[in-house]
Amino acid sequence: MNNAIVEAFSQMVRGKNVDRDVLENIIEEIFGVMVKKKYGLEANFDVIANMDKGDIEIFLERAIVEKVEDPEHEISIDEVNEKGNDEELEVGDDYVEKLELSSFGRRLINLARQSLNQRIREIEKELIFNEYSEMIGEIIVGDIYQVRRNDILVNHNKNELLLPRIEQIPRERYRKGDTLRAVVKEVKKTSNGPVIVISRADNLFLKKLFEIEIPEIYDGIIEIKRIAREPSERAKVAVESQDPRIDAVGACVGMKGVRIHAIVRELNNENIDVVNYSDDPITLIQRTLAPAKIKQIEIDEAGKRCSVLADNDQVSLIVGRNGVNIRLAMKLTGYEIDVIREEKPYEEYEDDIELVELREELGTEIVDLLIQNRYDTAVEVLTAGLDKLKEIESLDDDKANEIFDIIKNQFEEE
């Protein structure tokens, strides 16, 4: 029965990623508790666990007496003689007895097995916590094994990793069985064990992808200074070369864009702008807002604000679709950016519009009225200005404003 018990315990620890010495100490501690439960808290004993041999030995030491008064520390000479012994022992000698595991009974052995299981689980949890704590900021590759409403569960080296919705790339589809790359963002201790949170939306994931795809960044020749990102939409990355012979942006983009395209594909076609970093905020703002042409930048370093003056036709480039470009520029530079439109003088428009062509928009009566007052084209009206238009008899201020806006919109729509 001893061999069967030892084998049962050996199977429990076999394949566990726990240090052998730690396991031996745990087993010795657990069997020590078992001895104390049977022979008392003050019992003098020794437990020796040899995991290589799969052997557990328990020795109990008691003093030999004529009459036992303290069972925890004493054994009668008669009982010693009954047990049989090669040595001639007398009253006053110490008797060391090797205890059979089966002598502890099934209840105590099952209790020891449960305790061992619990201790191993606790150690495994601690090992997993320590392992992934050291991996924070590193990219892992795992398999999706469960897709829930808000979370994705990923299997990595037989450990469960959590990809919450907030750490997912919006509109990216996840399917069971797919291979997934993500960065280890956080490891939390809970009553149920460690929770390993991974992310594909964090800036750190983008940074690590750059390190993987661009050897110059991995080697430290090019440094990523700042990252601003709206996952699935757009990202801006400011880089700086430590070697004047190497173009930081060119190295990141690669021949025919092959390097940056690999990152874009991994991020579900997220657009990535790579710009050269500068300590000068005006230069950095200009580079971040490129390819829009900026006419003038006024900066308030103390208030971290700046005003950007640009032609009307450049404003849409600065702002970007749904304002994403200017938001990222503000994140990357750390400045609140106010855009000021510089209206183009109407006399500079090459394509003027005859007023007779605007009969549908203005109405025949208004067109005729303007022509009678020596306004033949749209630019002539706009150049004269709103105040001059209001001087025309039979036009009140509201009507003059309406006419001026209609004509002005003809050029803005172009």
Protein backbone atom coordinates (compact mmCIF):
# COMPACT_ATOMS: atom_id res chain seq x y z
CA MET A 1 0.00 0.00 0.00
CA ASN A 2 2.95 2.30 0.70
CA ASN A 3 4.07 2.14 -2.93
CA ALA A 4 0.54 2.88 -4.14
CA ILE A 5 0.27 5.96 -1.94
CA VAL A 6 3.69 7.27 -3.02
CA GLU A 7 2.83 6.69 -6.67
CA ALA A 8 -0.46 8.58 -6.26
CA PHE A 9 1.43 11.56 -4.85
CA SER A 10 4.11 11.32 -7.53
CA GLN A 11 1.45 11.49 -10.26
CA MET A 12 0.09 14.68 -8.73
CA VAL A 13 3.43 16.46 -9.01
CA ARG A 14 4.59 14.88 -12.26
CA GLY A 15 4.65 17.41 -15.10
CA LYS A 16 4.14 20.36 -12.76
CA ASN A 17 6.46 23.26 -13.44
CA VAL A 18 7.50 23.45 -9.79
CA ASP A 19 11.03 23.30 -8.46
CA ARG A 20 11.84 19.84 -7.08
CA ASP A 21 13.26 21.15 -3.80
CA VAL A 22 10.14 23.26 -3.27
CA LEU A 23 7.96 20.20 -3.86
CA GLU A 24 9.96 18.13 -1.42
CA ASN A 25 9.61 20.83 1.23
CA ILE A 26 5.86 20.99 0.66
CA ILE A 27 5.46 17.22 0.94
CA GLU A 28 7.57 17.13 4.11
CA GLU A 29 5.45 19.93 5.58
CA ILE A 30 2.14 18.26 4.67
CA PHE A 31 3.17 14.84 6.03
CA GLY A 32 4.48 16.58 9.12
CA VAL A 33 0.97 17.94 9.70
CA MET A 34 -0.36 14.40 9.27
CA VAL A 35 2.06 13.06 11.91
CA LYS A 36 1.05 15.83 14.33
CA LYS A 37 -2.64 15.04 13.85
CA LYS A 38 -2.02 11.42 14.87
CA TYR A 39 0.82 11.66 17.42
CA GLY A 40 0.35 15.18 18.78
CA LEU A 41 1.73 18.65 18.18
CA GLU A 42 4.88 18.02 20.25
CA ALA A 43 5.81 14.76 18.51
CA ASN A 44 9.51 14.41 17.60
CA PHE A 45 9.60 13.25 13.99
CA ASP A 46 11.39 13.59 10.69
CA VAL A 47 9.93 13.42 7.16
CA ILE A 48 12.22 12.69 4.20
CA ALA A 49 10.84 13.06 0.66
CA ASN A 50 12.89 11.90 -2.30
CA MET A 51 11.07 12.91 -5.49
CA ASP A 52 13.73 11.29 -7.71
CA LYS A 53 13.00 7.89 -6.18
CA GLY A 54 9.35 8.64 -5.54
CA ASP A 55 9.88 7.74 -1.90
CA ILE A 56 8.52 9.25 1.32
CA GLU A 57 9.91 8.15 4.70
CA ILE A 58 8.61 9.18 8.12
CA PHE A 59 10.57 8.54 11.30
CA LEU A 60 9.12 9.02 14.81
CA GLU A 61 11.43 9.27 17.82
CA ARG A 62 10.19 8.46 21.34
CA ALA A 63 11.83 7.67 24.70
CA ILE A 64 11.55 4.07 26.02
CA VAL A 65 9.86 3.90 29.44
CA GLU A 66 8.36 1.30 31.71
CA LYS A 67 5.00 3.03 31.85
CA VAL A 68 3.86 5.58 29.28
CA GLU A 69 2.66 8.87 30.72
CA ASP A 70 3.34 11.11 27.68
CA PRO A 71 2.33 9.24 24.45
CA GLU A 72 3.69 12.03 22.28
CA HIS A 73 7.23 11.49 23.51
CA GLU A 74 7.22 8.03 25.15
CA ILE A 75 6.81 4.36 24.19
CA SER A 76 6.73 1.39 26.57
CA ILE A 77 9.52 -1.20 26.56
CA ASP A 78 6.90 -3.88 26.03
CA GLU A 79 5.65 -2.23 22.83
CA VAL A 80 9.22 -1.89 21.60
CA ASN A 81 9.82 -5.59 22.19
CA GLU A 82 6.59 -6.45 20.41
CA LYS A 83 7.65 -4.48 17.37
CA GLY A 84 10.93 -6.38 17.25
CA ASN A 85 14.27 -4.73 16.89
CA ASP A 86 17.78 -5.78 15.91
CA GLU A 87 19.31 -3.57 18.57
CA GLU A 88 19.09 -4.35 22.27
CA LEU A 89 17.23 -1.35 23.63
CA GLU A 90 16.53 -0.60 27.26
CA VAL A 91 14.44 1.81 29.28
CA GLY A 92 15.91 5.31 28.86
CA ASP A 93 17.05 4.75 25.28
CA ASP A 94 15.52 6.57 22.31
CA TYR A 95 13.46 4.49 19.94
CA VAL A 96 13.29 5.59 16.28
CA GLU A 97 10.41 4.01 14.42
CA LYS A 98 9.80 4.14 10.67
CA LEU A 99 6.08 4.77 10.16
CA GLU A 100 4.20 3.11 7.35
CA LEU A 101 2.05 5.54 5.35
CA SER A 102 -0.82 3.08 5.49
CA SER A 103 -0.82 3.35 9.29
CA PHE A 104 -2.22 6.87 9.07
CA GLY A 105 -5.52 5.71 7.64
CA ARG A 106 -7.37 6.69 4.48
CA ARG A 107 -8.90 9.85 5.94
CA LEU A 108 -5.57 11.45 6.85
CA ILE A 109 -3.97 10.40 3.56
CA ASN A 110 -6.85 11.93 1.56
CA LEU A 111 -6.52 15.10 3.60
CA ALA A 112 -2.81 15.21 2.80
CA ARG A 113 -3.57 14.68 -0.90
CA GLN A 114 -6.04 17.57 -0.89
CA SER A 115 -3.56 19.80 0.92
CA LEU A 116 -0.85 18.93 -1.59
CA ASN A 117 -3.16 19.71 -4.49
CA GLN A 118 -4.05 23.07 -2.99
CA ARG A 119 -0.43 23.99 -2.32
CA ILE A 120 0.62 23.03 -5.84
CA ARG A 121 -2.18 25.16 -7.31
CA GLU A 122 -1.06 28.12 -5.20
CA ILE A 123 2.54 27.68 -6.33
CA GLU A 124 1.47 27.35 -9.97
CA LYS A 125 -0.52 30.58 -9.68
CA GLU A 126 2.48 32.35 -8.19
CA LEU A 127 4.76 30.99 -10.91
CA ILE A 128 2.36 32.17 -13.63
CA PHE A 129 2.07 35.60 -12.00
CA ASN A 130 5.86 35.96 -11.81
CA GLU A 131 6.41 34.64 -15.34
CA TYR A 132 4.00 37.06 -17.00
CA SER A 133 4.95 39.97 -14.76
CA GLU A 134 8.42 39.69 -16.29
CA MET A 135 6.81 39.64 -19.77
CA ILE A 136 4.92 42.94 -19.40
CA GLY A 137 5.60 44.96 -22.54
CA GLU A 138 6.48 41.88 -24.61
CA ILE A 139 4.50 40.48 -27.54
CA ILE A 140 3.03 36.99 -27.21
CA VAL A 141 1.48 34.75 -29.86
CA GLY A 142 -1.49 32.65 -28.79
CA ASP A 143 -4.60 30.90 -30.08
CA ILE A 144 -8.12 32.21 -29.57
CA TYR A 145 -10.10 29.50 -27.81
CA GLN A 146 -13.19 31.42 -26.71
CA VAL A 147 -14.95 34.50 -28.08
CA ARG A 148 -17.30 36.10 -25.56
CA ARG A 149 -19.48 39.16 -25.82
CA ASN A 150 -16.92 41.58 -24.40
CA ASP A 151 -13.76 39.54 -23.96
CA ILE A 152 -11.52 37.23 -25.95
CA LEU A 153 -9.78 34.33 -24.19
CA VAL A 154 -6.40 33.37 -25.62
CA ASN A 155 -4.40 30.22 -24.95
CA HIS A 156 -0.68 30.83 -24.53
CA ASN A 157 1.53 27.98 -23.30
CA LYS A 158 -1.57 26.39 -21.73
CA ASN A 159 -2.28 29.58 -19.78
CA GLU A 160 -5.43 31.70 -20.18
CA LEU A 161 -4.89 35.30 -21.28
CA LEU A 162 -7.61 37.95 -21.42
CA LEU A 163 -8.14 40.42 -24.26
CA PRO A 164 -10.87 42.83 -23.01
CA ARG A 165 -12.99 44.81 -25.47
CA ILE A 166 -11.24 48.06 -24.55
CA GLU A 167 -7.91 46.49 -25.58
CA GLN A 168 -9.23 45.18 -28.91
CA ILE A 169 -8.85 46.96 -32.24
CA PRO A 170 -12.33 48.31 -33.16
CA ARG A 171 -14.07 46.52 -36.01
CA GLU A 172 -11.47 43.75 -35.98
CA ARG A 173 -13.04 40.28 -36.21
CA TYR A 174 -11.88 37.52 -33.89
CA ARG A 175 -12.67 33.86 -34.51
CA LYS A 176 -12.06 30.76 -32.43
CA GLY A 177 -8.90 28.98 -33.50
CA ASP A 178 -7.24 32.06 -35.01
CA THR A 179 -3.67 32.90 -34.07
CA LEU A 180 -3.38 36.28 -32.37
CA ARG A 181 -0.51 38.60 -31.48
CA ALA A 182 -0.78 41.04 -28.61
CA VAL A 183 1.33 42.74 -25.97
CA VAL A 184 1.22 41.75 -22.29
CA LYS A 185 -0.17 44.89 -20.66
CA GLU A 186 -0.98 43.99 -17.06
CA VAL A 187 -0.91 41.07 -14.62
CA LYS A 188 -3.36 41.24 -11.72
CA LYS A 189 -3.65 39.03 -8.65
CA THR A 190 -7.17 37.83 -7.82
CA SER A 191 -8.66 35.25 -5.48
CA ASN A 192 -9.09 32.93 -8.47
CA GLY A 193 -5.50 33.29 -9.61
CA PRO A 194 -3.59 35.74 -11.80
CA VAL A 195 -5.40 37.56 -14.62
CA ILE A 196 -3.10 38.31 -17.56
CA VAL A 197 -4.43 41.23 -19.62
CA ILE A 198 -3.16 41.55 -23.18
CA SER A 199 -3.73 44.39 -25.64
CA ARG A 200 -3.75 45.13 -29.36
CA ALA A 201 -4.97 48.71 -28.92
CA ASP A 202 -2.23 49.98 -26.61
CA ASN A 203 0.55 52.21 -27.99
CA LEU A 204 3.03 49.71 -26.61
CA PHE A 205 1.81 47.07 -29.07
CA LEU A 206 2.55 49.40 -31.98
CA LYS A 207 5.98 50.20 -30.53
CA LYS A 208 6.85 46.51 -30.22
CA LEU A 209 5.73 45.85 -33.80
CA PHE A 210 8.13 48.57 -34.95
CA GLU A 211 10.93 46.86 -33.01
CA ILE A 212 10.13 43.52 -34.65
CA GLU A 213 9.86 44.82 -38.22
CA ILE A 214 12.60 47.46 -38.13
CA PRO A 215 16.05 46.17 -37.07
CA GLU A 216 17.41 49.71 -36.64
CA ILE A 217 14.87 50.34 -33.88
CA TYR A 218 15.59 47.01 -32.19
CA ASP A 219 19.33 47.78 -32.30
CA GLY A 220 18.81 51.29 -30.88
CA ILE A 221 20.03 53.15 -33.97
CA ILE A 222 16.57 54.67 -34.40
CA GLU A 223 14.56 55.70 -31.36
CA ILE A 224 10.79 55.99 -31.14
CA LYS A 225 10.27 59.28 -29.32
CA ARG A 226 6.47 59.56 -29.25
CA ILE A 227 3.38 57.67 -30.38
CA ALA A 228 -0.20 58.90 -30.81
CA ARG A 229 -2.80 56.41 -31.87
CA GLU A 230 -6.50 55.89 -32.45
CA PRO A 231 -6.76 52.12 -33.03
CA SER A 232 -8.19 51.04 -36.40
CA GLU A 233 -8.13 54.66 -37.64
CA ARG A 234 -4.69 56.24 -37.66
CA ALA A 235 -1.42 56.50 -35.79
CA LYS A 236 1.45 58.97 -35.78
CA VAL A 237 4.94 57.91 -34.75
CA ALA A 238 7.79 60.38 -34.17
CA VAL A 239 11.23 58.81 -34.67
CA GLU A 240 14.81 60.04 -34.37
CA SER A 241 18.00 58.60 -35.80
CA GLN A 242 21.09 58.35 -33.61
CA ASP A 243 23.21 57.98 -36.75
CA PRO A 244 23.23 61.02 -39.10
CA ARG A 245 23.84 58.68 -42.05
CA ILE A 246 20.52 56.91 -41.55
CA ASP A 247 17.17 58.44 -42.49
CA ALA A 248 14.83 57.48 -39.65
CA VAL A 249 11.59 57.80 -41.63
CA GLY A 250 12.99 56.01 -44.66
CA ALA A 251 14.25 53.12 -42.54
CA CYS A 252 10.86 52.74 -40.86
CA VAL A 253 8.93 52.82 -44.13
CA GLY A 254 11.32 50.48 -45.93
CA MET A 255 11.86 49.80 -49.62
CA LYS A 256 8.54 50.39 -51.39
CA GLY A 257 6.90 50.60 -47.94
CA VAL A 258 7.42 46.90 -47.22
CA ARG A 259 8.27 47.40 -43.53
CA ILE A 260 5.46 49.74 -42.64
CA HIS A 261 2.95 47.70 -44.68
CA ALA A 262 3.70 44.64 -42.55
CA ILE A 263 2.74 46.65 -39.44
CA VAL A 264 -0.34 48.11 -41.14
CA ARG A 265 -1.59 44.63 -42.03
CA GLU A 266 -1.12 43.42 -38.47
CA LEU A 267 -3.18 46.41 -37.23
CA ASN A 268 -6.13 45.72 -39.54
CA ASN A 269 -5.06 48.35 -42.11
CA GLU A 270 -4.60 51.17 -39.60
CA ASN A 271 -2.93 54.13 -41.34
CA ILE A 272 0.47 55.03 -39.89
CA ASP A 273 2.29 58.34 -40.35
CA VAL A 274 6.00 58.32 -39.50
CA VAL A 275 7.61 61.73 -38.92
CA ASN A 276 11.05 62.93 -37.88
CA TYR A 277 11.08 64.08 -34.28
CA SER A 278 12.27 67.55 -33.30
CA ASP A 279 12.76 69.24 -29.93
CA ASP A 280 11.49 72.44 -31.54
CA PRO A 281 7.68 72.41 -31.08
CA ILE A 282 7.00 74.52 -34.19
CA THR A 283 9.00 72.15 -36.40
CA LEU A 284 7.35 69.12 -34.83
CA ILE A 285 3.87 70.59 -35.32
CA GLN A 286 4.61 71.34 -38.97
CA ARG A 287 5.86 67.82 -39.58
CA THR A 288 2.96 66.27 -37.74
CA LEU A 289 0.38 68.18 -39.80
CA ALA A 290 2.08 67.40 -43.16
CA PRO A 291 1.24 67.18 -46.04
CA ALA A 292 -0.95 70.20 -45.24
CA LYS A 293 0.79 73.50 -46.04
CA ILE A 294 1.01 75.78 -43.02
CA LYS A 295 1.45 79.51 -43.61
CA GLN A 296 2.17 80.54 -40.05
CA ILE A 297 2.36 79.07 -36.54
CA GLU A 298 2.07 81.13 -33.36
CA ILE A 299 2.92 79.20 -30.22
CA ASP A 300 2.27 79.69 -26.50
CA GLU A 301 4.75 77.37 -24.79
CA ALA A 302 3.57 78.20 -21.28
CA GLY A 303 -0.07 77.47 -22.09
CA LYS A 304 0.79 74.59 -24.45
CA ARG A 305 -1.37 76.10 -27.20
CA CYS A 306 -0.66 77.11 -30.76
CA SER A 307 -2.52 78.81 -33.61
CA VAL A 308 -2.05 77.46 -37.12
CA LEU A 309 -2.80 79.72 -40.08
CA ALA A 310 -3.55 77.96 -43.36
CA ASP A 311 -5.41 78.53 -46.59
CA ASN A 312 -9.01 77.47 -46.66
CA ASP A 313 -8.29 74.53 -48.95
CA GLN A 314 -5.68 73.16 -46.50
CA VAL A 315 -7.94 73.05 -43.46
CA SER A 316 -9.54 69.71 -44.40
CA LEU A 317 -6.07 68.14 -44.62
CA ILE A 318 -5.12 69.51 -41.22
CA VAL A 319 -8.28 68.34 -39.52
CA GLY A 320 -8.58 64.99 -41.30
CA ARG A 321 -11.59 62.72 -41.52
CA ASN A 322 -13.75 63.15 -38.41
CA GLY A 323 -10.97 65.29 -36.91
CA VAL A 324 -8.64 62.31 -36.37
CA ASN A 325 -5.56 63.98 -37.88
CA ILE A 326 -5.58 67.07 -35.68
CA ARG A 327 -6.42 65.02 -32.57
CA LEU A 328 -3.40 62.81 -33.13
CA ALA A 329 -1.23 65.86 -33.84
CA MET A 330 -2.27 67.32 -30.49
CA LYS A 331 -1.52 64.04 -28.68
CA LEU A 332 1.88 63.70 -30.33
CA THR A 333 3.03 67.28 -29.81
CA GLY A 334 1.32 67.94 -26.50
CA TYR A 335 -0.14 71.22 -27.79
CA GLU A 336 -3.74 72.30 -28.24
CA ILE A 337 -3.95 73.35 -31.89
CA ASP A 338 -6.34 76.06 -33.10
CA VAL A 339 -6.75 76.29 -36.88
CA ILE A 340 -7.31 79.69 -38.43
CA ARG A 341 -8.55 79.83 -42.01
CA GLU A 342 -7.06 82.46 -44.29
CA GLU A 343 -9.70 83.29 -46.85
CA LYS A 344 -8.41 83.66 -50.37
CA PRO A 345 -9.08 87.14 -51.86
CA TYR A 346 -11.99 86.76 -54.25
CA GLU A 347 -10.22 88.71 -57.00
CA GLU A 348 -7.62 85.92 -57.13
CA TYR A 349 -10.12 83.31 -58.28
CA GLU A 350 -9.34 82.37 -61.87
CA ASP A 351 -12.85 81.12 -62.69
CA ASP A 352 -15.41 83.84 -62.17
CA ILE A 353 -19.16 83.21 -62.47
CA GLU A 354 -21.53 85.34 -64.53
CA LEU A 355 -24.56 86.33 -62.44
CA VAL A 356 -26.92 85.25 -65.22
CA GLU A 357 -25.70 81.69 -64.49
CA LEU A 358 -27.02 81.98 -60.94
CA ARG A 359 -30.66 82.69 -61.81
CA GLU A 360 -31.70 79.36 -60.31
CA GLU A 361 -29.87 80.00 -57.01
CA LEU A 362 -30.66 83.74 -56.66
CA GLY A 363 -33.86 84.17 -58.65
CA THR A 364 -34.31 86.22 -61.84
CA GLU A 365 -35.44 89.41 -60.03
CA ILE A 366 -32.33 89.49 -57.80
CA VAL A 367 -29.97 88.81 -60.73
CA ASP A 368 -31.57 91.61 -62.78
CA LEU A 369 -31.38 93.94 -59.76
CA LEU A 370 -27.67 93.28 -59.30
CA ILE A 371 -26.94 93.77 -63.00
CA GLN A 372 -28.83 97.07 -62.94
CA ASN A 373 -26.46 98.15 -60.13
CA ARG A 374 -23.43 97.33 -62.32
CA TYR A 375 -22.59 93.89 -60.82
CA ASP A 376 -22.12 91.43 -63.66
CA THR A 377 -20.14 88.62 -61.97
CA ALA A 378 -19.98 86.85 -58.63
CA VAL A 379 -16.44 88.06 -57.89
CA GLU A 380 -17.53 91.68 -58.46
CA VAL A 381 -20.21 91.28 -55.78
CA LEU A 382 -17.84 89.60 -53.30
CA THR A 383 -15.03 92.08 -53.92
CA ALA A 384 -17.40 95.00 -53.33
CA GLY A 385 -18.35 93.47 -50.01
CA LEU A 386 -21.50 93.00 -47.97
CA ASP A 387 -21.78 96.64 -46.91
CA LYS A 388 -21.93 97.82 -50.55
CA LEU A 389 -24.58 95.21 -51.28
CA LYS A 390 -26.73 96.54 -48.46
CA GLU A 391 -26.66 100.02 -50.06
CA ILE A 392 -28.85 98.77 -52.93
CA GLU A 393 -32.40 100.05 -52.55
CA SER A 394 -35.09 97.39 -52.08
CA LEU A 395 -32.58 95.04 -50.35
CA ASP A 396 -32.86 94.82 -46.56
CA ASP A 397 -30.00 93.51 -44.43
CA ASP A 398 -31.33 89.95 -44.20
CA LYS A 399 -31.79 89.67 -47.96
CA ALA A 400 -28.35 91.13 -48.62
CA ASN A 401 -26.79 88.61 -46.21
CA GLU A 402 -28.62 85.77 -47.93
CA ILE A 403 -27.45 86.85 -51.42
CA PHE A 404 -23.88 87.30 -50.26
CA ASP A 405 -23.80 83.81 -48.63
CA ILE A 406 -25.25 82.13 -51.74
CA ILE A 407 -22.63 83.69 -54.00
CA LYS A 408 -19.83 83.01 -51.52
CA ASN A 409 -20.81 79.34 -51.32
CA GLN A 410 -20.35 78.94 -55.08
CA PHE A 411 -16.60 79.30 -54.58
CA GLU A 412 -16.33 77.29 -51.38
CA GLU A 413 -18.06 74.33 -53.06
CA GLU A 414 -15.35 74.37 -55.69
